[in-house]
């Protein structure tokens, strides 16, 4: 074979190899391109792309779950009244209330906030918080303090009231105390007169009295019958045993400890 033929065969082989490489490259490009387009469509989420059918169903389930987690509105439970139209108790004259208030061991006239604070410092007035069978309402014209012996009276009254309701649908009902110790200024705001005179002073200004306006049920499964009978029974027993004086008022029951 001559030198010219050997060169011709060499270039034919080179061309064959290059052609094969070119065909392989085109085939590889055609195989890879569809995969790249598919990946791009999943990540980009074009606006006109159709979402999988499972997405709406999943969203509905999420909405239902969110609604299930939303707290329900608190049930409205109306209180039971404690006033002269509901409770039948004898009325002790207010003069007896004032006499009792002045004669209690730690009694003093709470003329203003200075007197109130002094009474708290020397222990003649003690703070009153919620207890078993009773709770203190939001106060606007009085302070949540009482003479120590009057606080003890309120705690005993609350316990006896709670005991009568144990095991009934009304268990957990609490007496609502709406007024405790007032200064003269607070009395005047209520529209009363002559509280600078000792003889006409309110027993609230001695830390000797508190007002009961309602009993608050735990829920609507309990009616007002049992709590009303219970508070009637407790107040009547305390009154007959000469531990308290009572004035049934239009909006509440005014209770004063006896010496």
Protein backbone atom coordinates (compact mmCIF):
# COMPACT_ATOMS: atom_id res chain seq x y z
CA UNK A 1 0.00 0.00 0.00
CA UNK A 2 1.40 3.35 -1.02
CA UNK A 3 1.86 6.36 1.27
CA UNK A 4 -1.06 8.16 -0.41
CA UNK A 5 -3.53 5.35 0.36
CA UNK A 6 -2.41 5.15 4.01
CA UNK A 7 -3.12 8.86 4.49
CA UNK A 8 -6.57 8.48 2.87
CA UNK A 9 -7.54 5.61 5.18
CA UNK A 10 -6.31 7.58 8.24
CA UNK A 11 -8.57 10.53 7.42
CA UNK A 12 -11.53 8.22 6.77
CA UNK A 13 -11.14 6.73 10.25
CA UNK A 14 -10.83 10.15 11.85
CA UNK A 15 -14.00 11.30 10.03
CA UNK A 16 -15.87 8.20 11.13
CA UNK A 17 -14.91 8.78 14.78
CA UNK A 18 -15.85 12.48 14.61
CA UNK A 19 -19.20 11.64 12.99
CA UNK A 20 -19.96 9.12 15.67
CA UNK A 21 -19.15 11.67 18.37
CA UNK A 22 -21.44 14.22 16.74
CA UNK A 23 -24.36 11.78 16.57
CA UNK A 24 -23.80 10.80 20.22
CA UNK A 25 -23.80 14.48 21.30
CA UNK A 26 -27.11 15.24 19.53
CA UNK A 27 -28.71 12.18 21.11
CA UNK A 28 -27.48 13.15 24.57
CA UNK A 29 -28.83 16.70 24.21
CA UNK A 30 -32.24 15.41 23.11
CA UNK A 31 -32.39 13.05 26.12
CA UNK A 32 -31.40 15.67 28.73
CA UNK A 33 -33.50 18.64 27.53
CA UNK A 34 -37.00 17.29 28.50
CA UNK A 35 -35.80 16.57 32.05
CA UNK A 36 -34.56 20.16 32.48
CA UNK A 37 -37.86 21.60 31.26
CA UNK A 38 -39.84 19.38 33.65
CA UNK A 39 -37.72 20.45 36.63
CA UNK A 40 -38.11 24.10 35.70
CA UNK A 41 -41.94 23.86 35.57
CA UNK A 42 -42.18 22.31 39.04
CA UNK A 43 -39.99 24.88 40.77
CA UNK A 44 -41.29 28.01 39.06
CA UNK A 45 -45.07 27.34 39.29
CA UNK A 46 -46.09 29.55 36.32
CA UNK A 47 -49.47 31.26 36.76
CA UNK A 48 -51.08 29.27 33.97
CA UNK A 49 -49.82 25.91 35.20
CA UNK A 50 -52.46 23.48 36.47
CA UNK A 51 -52.10 22.45 40.11
CA UNK A 52 -52.41 18.81 41.09
CA UNK A 53 -55.95 17.73 41.92
CA UNK A 54 -54.91 16.86 45.49
CA UNK A 55 -54.14 20.51 46.42
CA UNK A 56 -57.78 21.71 46.81
CA UNK A 57 -58.61 18.75 49.02
CA UNK A 58 -55.60 19.43 51.21
CA UNK A 59 -56.57 23.11 51.51
CA UNK A 60 -60.09 22.18 52.59
CA UNK A 61 -58.64 19.94 55.27
CA UNK A 62 -56.38 22.77 56.48
CA UNK A 63 -59.33 25.17 56.73
CA UNK A 64 -61.36 22.63 58.69
CA UNK A 65 -58.43 22.10 61.05
CA UNK A 66 -58.02 25.85 61.57
CA UNK A 67 -61.72 26.22 62.40
CA UNK A 68 -61.53 23.34 64.84
CA UNK A 69 -58.71 25.13 66.66
CA UNK A 70 -60.70 28.39 67.01
CA UNK A 71 -61.90 28.84 70.64
CA UNK A 72 -65.63 28.83 71.18
CA UNK A 73 -67.27 31.94 72.57
CA UNK A 74 -67.73 31.84 76.33
CA UNK A 75 -71.19 30.83 77.42
CA UNK A 76 -73.17 33.71 78.94
CA UNK A 77 -74.24 32.78 82.47
CA UNK A 78 -76.54 35.32 84.12
CA UNK A 79 -76.18 35.80 87.90
CA UNK A 80 -78.89 35.23 90.49
CA UNK A 81 -80.06 38.32 92.37
CA UNK A 82 -79.72 38.81 96.12
CA UNK A 83 -82.03 41.66 97.11
CA UNK A 84 -85.20 42.37 99.05
CA UNK A 85 -87.37 41.18 96.18
CA UNK A 86 -85.76 37.73 96.26
CA UNK A 87 -84.58 37.06 99.83
CA UNK A 88 -86.99 37.26 102.74
CA UNK A 89 -85.05 38.48 105.77
CA UNK A 90 -85.98 40.73 108.67
CA UNK A 91 -84.68 44.29 108.41
CA UNK A 92 -82.49 45.44 111.28
CA UNK A 93 -82.68 49.25 111.78
CA UNK A 94 -79.74 51.16 110.38
CA UNK A 95 -79.18 52.75 113.79
CA UNK A 96 -78.37 49.26 115.08
CA UNK A 97 -75.89 48.81 112.25
CA UNK A 98 -74.09 52.06 113.10
CA UNK A 99 -73.98 51.20 116.80
CA UNK A 100 -72.53 47.79 116.04
CA UNK A 101 -69.95 49.23 113.65
CA UNK A 102 -68.66 51.72 116.21
CA UNK A 103 -68.41 49.08 118.96
CA UNK A 104 -66.38 46.44 117.13
CA UNK A 105 -62.93 45.91 118.76
CA UNK A 106 -60.81 47.33 115.91
CA UNK A 107 -63.36 49.80 114.64
CA UNK A 108 -62.39 53.33 113.55
CA UNK A 109 -63.85 55.87 111.15
CA UNK A 110 -62.18 55.76 107.73
CA UNK A 111 -62.50 59.41 106.80
CA UNK A 112 -60.10 59.46 103.83
CA UNK A 113 -57.34 57.57 102.06
CA UNK A 114 -54.81 58.59 104.75
CA UNK A 115 -56.95 56.97 107.44
CA UNK A 116 -57.43 53.94 105.18
CA UNK A 117 -53.70 53.48 104.65
CA UNK A 118 -52.98 53.97 108.36
CA UNK A 119 -55.51 51.26 109.18
CA UNK A 120 -53.82 48.88 106.75
CA UNK A 121 -50.40 49.60 108.24
CA UNK A 122 -51.46 48.97 111.84
CA UNK A 123 -53.49 45.86 110.98
CA UNK A 124 -56.91 47.27 111.81
CA UNK A 125 -57.87 46.86 108.15
CA UNK A 126 -56.89 43.75 106.21
CA UNK A 127 -57.01 43.03 102.49
CA UNK A 128 -59.83 40.82 101.25
CA UNK A 129 -59.37 38.53 98.24
CA UNK A 130 -61.55 35.91 96.60
CA UNK A 131 -62.19 32.90 98.81
CA UNK A 132 -64.18 29.70 98.89
CA UNK A 133 -67.81 30.42 98.12
CA UNK A 134 -67.34 34.15 97.40
CA UNK A 135 -65.52 36.59 95.18
CA UNK A 136 -64.97 40.33 95.09
CA UNK A 137 -66.55 42.27 92.25
CA UNK A 138 -64.75 45.05 90.38
CA UNK A 139 -64.94 47.96 92.84
CA UNK A 140 -65.47 51.61 91.93
CA UNK A 141 -66.74 53.14 95.21
CA UNK A 142 -65.00 51.10 97.88
CA UNK A 143 -61.77 49.32 98.81
CA UNK A 144 -61.27 45.57 99.22
CA UNK A 145 -60.39 45.81 102.91
CA UNK A 146 -62.35 45.03 106.10
CA UNK A 147 -61.81 44.81 109.81
CA UNK A 148 -60.13 41.44 110.57
CA UNK A 149 -63.19 40.09 112.36
CA UNK A 150 -65.46 41.13 109.47
CA UNK A 151 -63.21 39.40 106.98
CA UNK A 152 -63.49 36.24 109.13
CA UNK A 153 -67.28 36.61 109.00
CA UNK A 154 -67.24 36.80 105.20
CA UNK A 155 -65.01 33.72 104.95
CA UNK A 156 -67.29 31.73 107.27
CA UNK A 157 -70.35 32.83 105.32
CA UNK A 158 -68.72 31.79 102.03
CA UNK A 159 -67.73 28.38 103.38
CA UNK A 160 -71.19 27.66 104.77
CA UNK A 161 -72.77 28.73 101.48
CA UNK A 162 -70.41 26.49 99.48
CA UNK A 163 -71.06 23.53 101.81
CA UNK A 164 -74.80 23.67 101.12
CA UNK A 165 -74.17 23.30 97.37
CA UNK A 166 -71.67 20.42 97.45
CA UNK A 167 -72.86 17.54 95.27
CA UNK A 168 -75.51 19.62 93.48
CA UNK A 169 -75.48 21.03 89.92
CA UNK A 170 -74.91 24.44 91.58
CA UNK A 171 -71.65 23.42 93.24
CA UNK A 172 -69.08 26.10 92.52
CA UNK A 173 -71.55 28.99 92.69
CA UNK A 174 -70.02 32.00 94.48
CA UNK A 175 -71.42 34.97 96.36
CA UNK A 176 -70.54 38.26 94.66
CA UNK A 177 -69.46 40.97 97.13
CA UNK A 178 -70.01 44.36 95.51
CA UNK A 179 -69.01 46.84 98.22
CA UNK A 180 -66.69 46.86 101.24
CA UNK A 181 -64.90 49.74 103.00
CA UNK A 182 -65.56 53.29 101.75
CA UNK A 183 -64.05 56.67 102.53
CA UNK A 184 -66.29 59.71 103.03
CA UNK A 185 -65.44 60.91 99.53
CA UNK A 186 -66.59 57.62 98.07
CA UNK A 187 -69.80 57.86 100.07
CA UNK A 188 -70.47 61.31 98.70
CA UNK A 189 -69.99 60.07 95.19
CA UNK A 190 -72.87 57.71 95.81
CA UNK A 191 -75.09 60.71 96.47
CA UNK A 192 -75.49 60.30 100.24
CA UNK A 193 -75.43 63.16 102.78
CA UNK A 194 -73.96 64.13 106.15
CA UNK A 195 -71.28 61.43 106.33
CA UNK A 196 -68.87 63.81 108.04
CA UNK A 197 -71.11 63.50 111.12
CA UNK A 198 -70.37 60.35 113.11
CA UNK A 199 -74.01 59.73 113.95
CA UNK A 200 -74.91 59.61 110.25
CA UNK A 201 -71.79 57.82 109.00
CA UNK A 202 -72.13 54.73 106.88
CA UNK A 203 -71.07 51.46 108.45
CA UNK A 204 -68.99 50.93 105.29
CA UNK A 205 -66.74 53.71 106.59
CA UNK A 206 -65.87 51.58 109.63
CA UNK A 207 -64.84 48.49 107.67
CA UNK A 208 -67.72 46.74 109.42
CA UNK A 209 -70.05 45.98 106.51
CA UNK A 210 -70.18 44.46 103.04
CA UNK A 211 -72.87 44.17 100.38
CA UNK A 212 -73.95 40.97 98.61
CA UNK A 213 -75.70 41.63 95.29
CA UNK A 214 -75.57 38.33 93.37
CA UNK A 215 -74.65 34.69 93.38
CA UNK A 216 -72.70 33.65 90.27
CA UNK A 217 -73.35 30.16 88.91
CA UNK A 218 -70.59 28.12 87.23
CA UNK A 219 -72.77 27.40 84.16
CA UNK A 220 -76.34 27.37 82.89
CA UNK A 221 -76.87 23.76 83.96
CA UNK A 222 -77.46 25.15 87.46
CA UNK A 223 -80.57 27.25 87.97
CA UNK A 224 -81.00 29.97 90.61
CA UNK A 225 -83.16 27.93 92.98
CA UNK A 226 -80.42 26.17 94.94
CA UNK A 227 -78.06 29.18 95.31
CA UNK A 228 -80.94 31.43 96.35
CA UNK A 229 -82.14 28.96 98.98
CA UNK A 230 -78.56 28.52 100.22
CA UNK A 231 -77.80 32.22 100.69
CA UNK A 232 -81.23 32.74 102.27
CA UNK A 233 -80.53 29.92 104.74
CA UNK A 234 -77.04 31.11 105.68
CA UNK A 235 -77.99 34.76 106.18
CA UNK A 236 -81.11 33.79 108.14
CA UNK A 237 -79.13 31.50 110.47
CA UNK A 238 -76.45 34.13 111.08
CA UNK A 239 -79.09 36.78 111.73
CA UNK A 240 -81.09 34.61 114.15
CA UNK A 241 -77.94 33.65 116.02
CA UNK A 242 -77.24 37.40 116.45
CA UNK A 243 -73.95 37.27 114.56
CA UNK A 244 -75.00 39.75 111.87
CA UNK A 245 -77.39 42.58 111.15
CA UNK A 246 -79.05 42.75 107.72
CA UNK A 247 -80.79 45.39 105.64
CA UNK A 248 -82.46 43.97 102.52
CA UNK A 249 -82.04 46.69 99.90
CA UNK A 250 -83.38 47.07 96.38
CA UNK A 251 -80.07 46.10 94.79
CA UNK A 252 -78.28 44.08 97.48
CA UNK A 253 -78.16 42.70 101.01
CA UNK A 254 -76.29 45.00 103.41
CA UNK A 255 -74.54 42.89 106.08
CA UNK A 256 -72.88 44.20 109.27
CA UNK A 257 -71.05 42.18 111.90
CA UNK A 258 -72.41 42.44 115.44
CA UNK A 259 -69.98 42.87 118.38
